[in-house]
Protein backbone atom coordinates (compact mmCIF):
# COMPACT_ATOMS: atom_id res chain seq x y z
CA UNK A 1 -19.48 -6.35 2.51
CA UNK A 2 -17.65 -9.55 2.89
CA UNK A 3 -13.84 -9.87 2.72
CA UNK A 4 -13.98 -10.99 -0.76
CA UNK A 5 -16.40 -8.44 -2.07
CA UNK A 6 -14.41 -5.72 -0.38
CA UNK A 7 -11.14 -6.93 -1.94
CA UNK A 8 -12.81 -6.99 -5.27
CA UNK A 9 -14.02 -3.45 -4.89
CA UNK A 10 -10.50 -2.42 -4.00
CA UNK A 11 -9.18 -4.17 -6.91
CA UNK A 12 -11.60 -2.53 -9.37
CA UNK A 13 -10.68 0.94 -7.80
CA UNK A 14 -13.92 1.49 -6.14
CA UNK A 15 -14.21 3.25 -2.67
CA UNK A 16 -15.48 1.41 0.29
CA UNK A 17 -15.60 2.18 4.04
CA UNK A 18 -13.59 -0.98 4.88
CA UNK A 19 -9.80 -1.01 5.52
CA UNK A 20 -7.75 -1.80 2.40
CA UNK A 21 -6.03 -5.37 2.28
CA UNK A 22 -2.40 -5.21 3.43
CA UNK A 23 -0.95 -4.73 -0.11
CA UNK A 24 1.50 -2.18 -1.44
CA UNK A 25 -0.26 0.54 -3.54
CA UNK A 26 1.70 -0.54 -6.62
CA UNK A 27 -0.19 -3.97 -6.40
CA UNK A 28 -3.66 -2.37 -6.84
CA UNK A 29 -5.22 -4.42 -9.56
CA UNK A 30 -7.51 -1.66 -10.65
CA UNK A 31 -4.34 0.38 -11.77
CA UNK A 32 -3.24 -2.52 -13.84
CA UNK A 33 -6.68 -3.04 -15.65
CA UNK A 34 -8.30 0.18 -16.01
CA UNK A 35 -8.31 1.90 -19.09
CA UNK A 36 -6.97 5.40 -19.18
CA UNK A 37 -9.39 8.39 -19.42
CA UNK A 38 -8.26 9.42 -23.14
CA UNK A 39 -8.52 5.66 -24.25
CA UNK A 40 -12.12 5.37 -22.91
CA UNK A 41 -12.96 8.80 -24.61
CA UNK A 42 -11.50 7.84 -28.01
CA UNK A 43 -13.17 4.46 -28.02
CA UNK A 44 -16.46 5.95 -27.01
CA UNK A 45 -16.36 8.65 -29.68
CA UNK A 46 -15.43 6.02 -32.40
CA UNK A 47 -18.39 3.84 -31.37
CA UNK A 48 -20.73 6.82 -31.27
CA UNK A 49 -19.64 7.62 -34.90
CA UNK A 50 -20.20 4.23 -35.99
CA UNK A 51 -16.36 3.66 -36.52
CA UNK A 52 -14.54 0.54 -35.64
CA UNK A 53 -12.59 0.62 -32.52
CA UNK A 54 -9.07 2.04 -33.39
CA UNK A 55 -7.27 -0.27 -31.05
CA UNK A 56 -5.76 -3.52 -32.35
CA UNK A 57 -4.68 -5.90 -29.74
CA UNK A 58 -1.15 -7.60 -29.96
CA UNK A 59 1.09 -9.75 -27.82
CA UNK A 60 4.56 -8.56 -26.89
CA UNK A 61 7.48 -10.90 -26.15
CA UNK A 62 9.83 -9.27 -23.73
CA UNK A 63 13.34 -10.32 -22.51
CA UNK A 64 13.41 -12.40 -19.27
CA UNK A 65 12.33 -10.50 -16.11
CA UNK A 66 11.34 -7.33 -18.24
CA UNK A 67 7.60 -7.82 -18.29
CA UNK A 68 6.81 -4.91 -15.75
CA UNK A 69 9.30 -2.68 -17.45
CA UNK A 70 7.70 -2.98 -20.81
CA UNK A 71 4.30 -2.45 -19.49
CA UNK A 72 5.31 0.58 -17.50
CA UNK A 73 7.01 1.99 -20.72
CA UNK A 74 3.98 1.39 -22.69
CA UNK A 75 1.65 2.97 -20.12
CA UNK A 76 3.81 6.15 -20.21
CA UNK A 77 2.99 6.40 -23.92
CA UNK A 78 -0.67 5.99 -23.15
CA UNK A 79 -0.84 2.52 -24.61
CA UNK A 80 -3.39 0.08 -23.07
CA UNK A 81 -1.98 -2.86 -21.49
CA UNK A 82 -3.07 -6.12 -19.93
CA UNK A 83 -0.49 -7.96 -17.66
CA UNK A 84 -2.19 -10.56 -15.44
CA UNK A 85 -0.33 -10.89 -12.24
CA UNK A 86 -0.50 -13.78 -9.65
CA UNK A 87 -0.76 -12.28 -6.12
CA UNK A 88 0.17 -14.33 -3.12
CA UNK A 89 1.18 -14.19 0.42
CA UNK A 90 4.94 -14.25 1.23
CA UNK A 91 6.47 -14.35 4.87
CA UNK A 92 9.69 -12.54 5.76
CA UNK A 93 11.02 -11.89 9.15
CA UNK A 94 7.94 -13.18 10.57
CA UNK A 95 5.72 -10.65 8.64
CA UNK A 96 3.13 -11.60 6.06
CA UNK A 97 2.84 -9.27 2.92
CA UNK A 98 1.34 -9.69 -0.52
CA UNK A 99 3.83 -10.29 -3.42
CA UNK A 100 3.05 -10.76 -7.03
CA UNK A 101 4.59 -12.02 -10.24
CA UNK A 102 3.59 -12.29 -13.85
CA UNK A 103 1.09 -14.92 -14.72
CA UNK A 104 2.69 -15.37 -18.21
CA UNK A 105 6.41 -14.88 -18.35
CA UNK A 106 7.69 -12.77 -21.06
CA UNK A 107 4.42 -11.82 -22.39
CA UNK A 108 2.53 -8.46 -22.31
CA UNK A 109 -0.85 -7.91 -24.07
CA UNK A 110 -1.19 -4.35 -25.40
CA UNK A 111 -3.82 -2.33 -27.41
CA UNK A 112 -2.32 -0.01 -30.10
CA UNK A 113 -3.92 2.67 -32.12
CA UNK A 114 -1.54 2.36 -35.24
CA UNK A 115 -2.54 6.00 -36.47
CA UNK A 116 -1.02 7.78 -33.56
CA UNK A 117 0.95 5.38 -31.05
CA UNK A 118 4.12 3.30 -31.58
CA UNK A 119 6.26 1.04 -29.48
CA UNK A 120 9.68 1.76 -31.10
CA UNK A 121 12.54 2.07 -28.71
CA UNK A 122 10.93 0.45 -25.65
CA UNK A 123 13.67 -1.03 -23.44
CA UNK A 124 13.11 -4.63 -22.69
CA UNK A 125 11.00 -5.41 -25.65
CA UNK A 126 12.35 -8.36 -27.74
CA UNK A 127 9.60 -8.66 -30.43
CA UNK A 128 5.73 -8.56 -31.24
CA UNK A 129 4.19 -11.88 -32.03
CA UNK A 130 3.43 -11.98 -35.90
CA UNK A 131 0.62 -13.73 -37.70
CA UNK A 132 0.45 -15.67 -40.79
CA UNK A 133 1.33 -12.66 -42.91
CA UNK A 134 4.49 -10.33 -42.24
CA UNK A 135 2.27 -8.10 -40.06
CA UNK A 136 1.70 -8.33 -36.29
CA UNK A 137 -0.89 -10.97 -35.10
CA UNK A 138 -4.13 -9.41 -34.06
CA UNK A 139 -5.67 -10.83 -30.94
CA UNK A 140 -9.46 -11.22 -30.51
CA UNK A 141 -10.86 -8.33 -28.78
CA UNK A 142 -13.37 -10.25 -26.72
CA UNK A 143 -10.56 -12.63 -25.50
CA UNK A 144 -8.65 -9.65 -24.13
CA UNK A 145 -11.71 -8.29 -22.26
CA UNK A 146 -12.28 -11.81 -20.86
CA UNK A 147 -8.84 -11.75 -19.62
CA UNK A 148 -9.25 -8.34 -18.09
CA UNK A 149 -12.52 -9.38 -16.36
CA UNK A 150 -10.67 -12.42 -15.00
CA UNK A 151 -8.06 -10.19 -13.35
CA UNK A 152 -10.88 -7.96 -11.88
CA UNK A 153 -12.73 -11.05 -10.43
CA UNK A 154 -9.63 -12.06 -8.54
CA UNK A 155 -9.06 -15.31 -10.42
CA UNK A 156 -5.30 -15.14 -10.11
CA UNK A 157 -5.28 -13.56 -6.48
CA UNK A 158 -4.30 -16.16 -3.91
CA UNK A 159 -4.86 -13.56 -1.06
CA UNK A 160 -8.58 -13.87 -1.47
CA UNK A 161 -8.77 -17.66 -0.92
CA UNK A 162 -7.07 -20.38 1.12
CA UNK A 163 -5.69 -22.33 -1.89
CA UNK A 164 -3.31 -21.31 -4.66
CA UNK A 165 -5.17 -19.73 -7.70
CA UNK A 166 -5.86 -21.84 -10.47
CA UNK A 167 -3.89 -20.88 -13.82
CA UNK A 168 -6.43 -21.18 -16.54
CA UNK A 169 -4.69 -20.00 -19.64
CA UNK A 170 -6.74 -17.61 -21.98
CA UNK A 171 -7.68 -19.15 -25.37
CA UNK A 172 -5.56 -16.58 -27.20
CA UNK A 173 -2.48 -17.46 -25.17
CA UNK A 174 -3.08 -21.14 -25.89
CA UNK A 175 -3.40 -20.44 -29.55
CA UNK A 176 -0.17 -18.59 -29.76
CA UNK A 177 1.70 -21.21 -27.83
CA UNK A 178 0.45 -23.87 -30.22
CA UNK A 179 1.71 -21.85 -33.02
CA UNK A 180 5.02 -21.42 -31.34
CA UNK A 181 4.68 -17.63 -31.36
CA UNK A 182 5.21 -17.34 -27.72
CA UNK A 183 8.25 -18.67 -25.91
CA UNK A 184 7.79 -21.90 -23.90
CA UNK A 185 8.86 -20.05 -20.67
CA UNK A 186 5.50 -18.25 -20.69
CA UNK A 187 3.63 -21.05 -19.06
CA UNK A 188 6.25 -22.10 -16.43
CA UNK A 189 5.14 -22.17 -12.85
CA UNK A 190 7.05 -20.13 -10.34
CA UNK A 191 9.09 -23.14 -9.17
CA UNK A 192 9.90 -24.12 -12.70
CA UNK A 193 10.83 -20.60 -13.68
CA UNK A 194 13.26 -20.36 -10.60
CA UNK A 195 14.84 -23.69 -11.69
CA UNK A 196 15.20 -22.33 -15.31
CA UNK A 197 17.06 -19.34 -14.09
CA UNK A 198 14.34 -16.73 -14.79
CA UNK A 199 13.88 -13.89 -12.35
CA UNK A 200 10.54 -12.08 -12.13
CA UNK A 201 11.17 -8.46 -11.32
CA UNK A 202 7.87 -8.00 -9.50
CA UNK A 203 8.25 -11.03 -7.35
CA UNK A 204 9.26 -10.52 -3.74
């Protein structure tokens, strides 16, 4: 296997006989993208019964620097989340290591089964993006899956290439930005965010 294919296999949570890339276990992309077993089972049972998928996808706006905290709190409640992270090399004390930061500041995509799940009381959560009505805005399911596949393909991983990863914004994010539903800080680069005083909790 090539270095790229091995890295993508590790990111997807697959086993290989090659050594793992020098990254912290918490940075494993597979753990950030994979559905939980219960979520996969409930979705498969709904599809087998001819029922629509009970999950509804929404965008949460967090307080500055709380993206990872909100995502982890949602996962503790078995809520499916998508938080794309930019991975890059950092050098400290003459040692190179992998660091990461959220691709979109103050934004967490999550799938909620309104019949049995809720996000009330999650620390660091400011609000949920609303649609034209008084309810939460539903994000297109296919766009969320495309974003998850982009993460698994390593499109935001600078450790798999020599140049900095491109930052193509998903269509659903562009739509929410045009409507003013997401904060303007969501599309700042790392340098712009530092100048604005934003701090990413997951950045080294």
